[in-house]
C-alpha atoms as a PDB file:
ATOM      1  CA  MET A   1     226.846 183.430 121.752  1.00  0.00           C
ATOM      2  CA  HIS A   2     229.316 184.490 119.137  1.00  0.00           C
ATOM      3  CA  ASP A   3     232.127 183.247 117.577  1.00  0.00           C
ATOM      4  CA  LYS A   4     235.611 185.136 117.343  1.00  0.00           C
ATOM      5  CA  THR A   5     234.428 187.275 114.434  1.00  0.00           C
ATOM      6  CA  GLY A   6     231.138 188.321 116.185  1.00  0.00           C
ATOM      7  CA  LYS A   7     228.829 186.043 114.180  1.00  0.00           C
ATOM      8  CA  PRO A   8     226.059 184.446 116.226  1.00  0.00           C
ATOM      9  CA  ILE A   9     226.548 180.672 116.496  1.00  0.00           C
ATOM     10  CA  MET A  10     223.849 179.806 118.888  1.00  0.00           C
ATOM     11  CA  GLU A  11     220.940 181.453 120.756  1.00  0.00           C
ATOM     12  CA  TRP A  12     218.406 180.138 123.586  1.00  0.00           C
ATOM     13  CA  ASP A  13     215.137 181.499 124.769  1.00  0.00           C
ATOM     14  CA  GLY A  14     216.345 181.508 128.193  1.00  0.00           C
ATOM     15  CA  ILE A  15     219.492 180.303 130.371  1.00  0.00           C
ATOM     16  CA  PHE A  16     219.309 179.901 133.883  1.00  0.00           C
ATOM     17  CA  ILE A  17     222.279 178.949 136.288  1.00  0.00           C
ATOM     18  CA  CYS A  18     222.059 177.145 139.312  1.00  0.00           C
ATOM     19  CA  CYS A  19     225.022 175.714 141.248  1.00  0.00           C
ATOM     20  CA  ASN A  20     226.799 173.657 138.590  1.00  0.00           C
ATOM     21  CA  LYS A  21     223.897 173.280 136.290  1.00  0.00           C
ATOM     22  CA  VAL A  22     222.963 175.292 133.283  1.00  0.00           C
ATOM     23  CA  PHE A  23     219.307 175.243 132.153  1.00  0.00           C
ATOM     24  CA  LEU A  24     219.035 175.877 128.509  1.00  0.00           C
ATOM     25  CA  CYS A  25     215.359 176.989 127.732  1.00  0.00           C
ATOM     26  CA  GLU A  26     213.541 176.628 124.330  1.00  0.00           C
ATOM     27  CA  SER A  27     210.102 177.970 124.210  1.00  0.00           C
ATOM     28  CA  LYS A  28     207.490 177.408 121.276  1.00  0.00           C
ATOM     29  CA  HIS A  29     203.947 177.845 120.855  1.00  0.00           C
ATOM     30  CA  LYS A  30     203.505 174.391 119.701  1.00  0.00           C
ATOM     31  CA  MET A  31     206.082 171.801 120.622  1.00  0.00           C
ATOM     32  CA  THR A  32     206.666 168.968 118.053  1.00  0.00           C
ATOM     33  CA  GLU A  33     208.664 165.845 117.842  1.00  0.00           C
ATOM     34  CA  GLU A  34     211.000 167.671 115.270  1.00  0.00           C
ATOM     35  CA  LYS A  35     211.542 170.646 117.734  1.00  0.00           C
ATOM     36  CA  ILE A  36     212.314 168.259 120.570  1.00  0.00           C
ATOM     37  CA  THR A  37     214.877 166.297 118.372  1.00  0.00           C
ATOM     38  CA  MET A  38     216.460 169.833 117.476  1.00  0.00           C
ATOM     39  CA  LEU A  39     216.604 170.714 121.155  1.00  0.00           C
ATOM     40  CA  VAL A  40     218.546 167.652 122.009  1.00  0.00           C
ATOM     41  CA  LYS A  41     220.879 168.088 118.935  1.00  0.00           C
ATOM     42  CA  ARG A  42     221.682 171.635 120.170  1.00  0.00           C
ATOM     43  CA  LEU A  43     222.139 170.659 123.881  1.00  0.00           C
ATOM     44  CA  MET A  44     224.904 168.156 122.642  1.00  0.00           C
ATOM     45  CA  GLU A  45     226.480 170.902 120.485  1.00  0.00           C
ATOM     46  CA  PHE A  46     226.496 173.527 123.454  1.00  0.00           C
ATOM     47  CA  SER A  47     229.741 172.462 124.707  1.00  0.00           C
ATOM     48  CA  ASN A  48     231.658 172.678 121.635  1.00  0.00           C
ATOM     49  CA  LYS A  49     230.120 176.105 120.892  1.00  0.00           C
ATOM     50  CA  LEU A  50     231.408 177.170 124.323  1.00  0.00           C
ATOM     51  CA  GLU A  51     234.833 176.221 123.310  1.00  0.00           C
ATOM     52  CA  VAL A  52     234.730 178.631 120.121  1.00  0.00           C
ATOM     53  CA  THR A  53     232.821 181.462 121.598  1.00  0.00           C
ATOM     54  CA  LYS A  54     234.457 184.964 122.423  1.00  0.00           C
ATOM     55  CA  ASP A  55     231.828 185.719 124.857  1.00  0.00           C
ATOM     56  CA  PHE A  56     233.280 185.622 128.561  1.00  0.00           C
ATOM     57  CA  GLU A  57     230.039 185.186 130.151  1.00  0.00           C
ATOM     58  CA  PHE A  58     229.324 182.036 128.213  1.00  0.00           C
ATOM     59  CA  LYS A  59     233.039 180.759 128.849  1.00  0.00           C
ATOM     60  CA  LYS A  60     232.096 180.549 132.364  1.00  0.00           C
ATOM     61  CA  LEU A  61     229.659 177.892 131.649  1.00  0.00           C
ATOM     62  CA  LEU A  62     232.293 175.338 130.544  1.00  0.00           C
ATOM     63  CA  GLY A  63     232.142 172.082 132.585  1.00  0.00           C
ATOM     64  CA  MET A  64     228.749 172.735 133.966  1.00  0.00           C
ATOM     65  CA  GLU A  65     226.011 170.237 133.571  1.00  0.00           C
ATOM     66  CA  ARG A  66     223.468 171.195 130.647  1.00  0.00           C
ATOM     67  CA  ILE A  67     219.847 170.436 131.285  1.00  0.00           C
ATOM     68  CA  GLY A  68     217.300 171.208 128.410  1.00  0.00           C
ATOM     69  CA  VAL A  69     214.123 172.865 129.150  1.00  0.00           C
ATOM     70  CA  ALA A  70     211.109 172.578 126.785  1.00  0.00           C
ATOM     71  CA  CYS A  71     208.483 174.978 127.343  1.00  0.00           C
ATOM     72  CA  ALA A  72     205.284 175.340 124.998  1.00  0.00           C
ATOM     73  CA  THR A  73     201.750 176.491 125.195  1.00  0.00           C
ATOM     74  CA  PHE A  74     200.790 173.535 123.390  1.00  0.00           C
ATOM     75  CA  PHE A  75     202.587 170.407 124.284  1.00  0.00           C
ATOM     76  CA  PRO A  76     200.883 167.145 122.839  1.00  0.00           C
ATOM     77  CA  ARG A  77     200.541 164.376 125.205  1.00  0.00           C
ATOM     78  CA  GLU A  78     201.911 161.922 122.697  1.00  0.00           C
ATOM     79  CA  LEU A  79     205.359 163.542 122.852  1.00  0.00           C
ATOM     80  CA  SER A  80     207.350 161.480 125.129  1.00  0.00           C
ATOM     81  CA  VAL A  81     210.409 163.437 126.337  1.00  0.00           C
ATOM     82  CA  ASN A  82     211.052 162.086 130.013  1.00  0.00           C
ATOM     83  CA  GLU A  83     213.538 159.556 128.850  1.00  0.00           C
ATOM     84  CA  LEU A  84     215.540 162.301 127.193  1.00  0.00           C
ATOM     85  CA  GLY A  85     216.164 164.012 130.409  1.00  0.00           C
ATOM     86  CA  LEU A  86     214.459 167.283 129.453  1.00  0.00           C
ATOM     87  CA  VAL A  87     212.486 169.458 132.019  1.00  0.00           C
ATOM     88  CA  VAL A  88     209.131 170.019 130.343  1.00  0.00           C
ATOM     89  CA  ALA A  89     206.929 173.199 131.109  1.00  0.00           C
ATOM     90  CA  TYR A  90     203.349 173.187 129.736  1.00  0.00           C
ATOM     91  CA  PRO A  91     199.847 174.646 130.690  1.00  0.00           C
ATOM     92  CA  GLY A  92     197.554 172.834 132.917  1.00  0.00           C
ATOM     93  CA  GLY A  93     194.769 173.795 135.264  1.00  0.00           C
ATOM     94  CA  GLY A  94     195.211 177.478 134.862  1.00  0.00           C
ATOM     95  CA  ARG A  95     198.930 177.636 135.529  1.00  0.00           C
ATOM     96  CA  TYR A  96     202.202 175.803 134.065  1.00  0.00           C
ATOM     97  CA  CYS A  97     203.070 172.385 134.967  1.00  0.00           C
ATOM     98  CA  VAL A  98     206.724 171.474 135.280  1.00  0.00           C
ATOM     99  CA  GLU A  99     207.933 167.846 134.814  1.00  0.00           C
ATOM    100  CA  VAL A 100     211.274 167.183 136.086  1.00  0.00           C
ATOM    101  CA  PRO A 101     213.595 164.325 135.283  1.00  0.00           C
ATOM    102  CA  SER A 102     214.733 162.239 138.130  1.00  0.00           C
ATOM    103  CA  LYS A 103     218.380 163.367 137.454  1.00  0.00           C
ATOM    104  CA  ILE A 104     217.524 166.805 138.952  1.00  0.00           C
ATOM    105  CA  TYR A 105     215.892 165.820 142.175  1.00  0.00           C
ATOM    106  CA  GLY A 106     218.967 165.414 144.209  1.00  0.00           C
ATOM    107  CA  CYS A 107     219.889 168.884 143.186  1.00  0.00           C
ATOM    108  CA  HIS A 108     219.966 171.961 145.760  1.00  0.00           C
ATOM    109  CA  LYS A 109     216.647 173.172 146.756  1.00  0.00           C
ATOM    110  CA  TRP A 110     217.164 176.425 144.825  1.00  0.00           C
ATOM    111  CA  CYS A 111     217.488 174.724 141.597  1.00  0.00           C
ATOM    112  CA  ASN A 112     214.059 173.191 142.303  1.00  0.00           C
ATOM    113  CA  TYR A 113     212.654 176.482 143.213  1.00  0.00           C
ATOM    114  CA  LEU A 114     214.206 177.880 139.866  1.00  0.00           C
ATOM    115  CA  LEU A 115     212.279 175.187 137.961  1.00  0.00           C
ATOM    116  CA  PHE A 116     208.851 175.757 139.631  1.00  0.00           C
ATOM    117  CA  VAL A 117     208.792 179.427 139.048  1.00  0.00           C
ATOM    118  CA  LEU A 118     209.439 179.083 135.371  1.00  0.00           C
END
């Protein structure tokens, strides 16, 4: 995402759109409390960045619900992120496990499919 002069103002490792929801993915090798805090801060700034971006494809995201996705190959159990409303993806049992906050469960079945193929 760039401002009117072409300067980068925000980047994400992945952006998924489903219905009126925008899933903003941040992936790390090792997730830490500081990285979770930064993810939440960036989620809160996202709407403001959409207002000033010159990129039309991002302007289309204005007004959509933002949902953060924290993905890591090492996600310490002591990190408590469920109350933050983040989707969490981490390895377990030979595949990735995905924890979805309750606010997403009422979402269209394709949104749920999208999250489980992450």
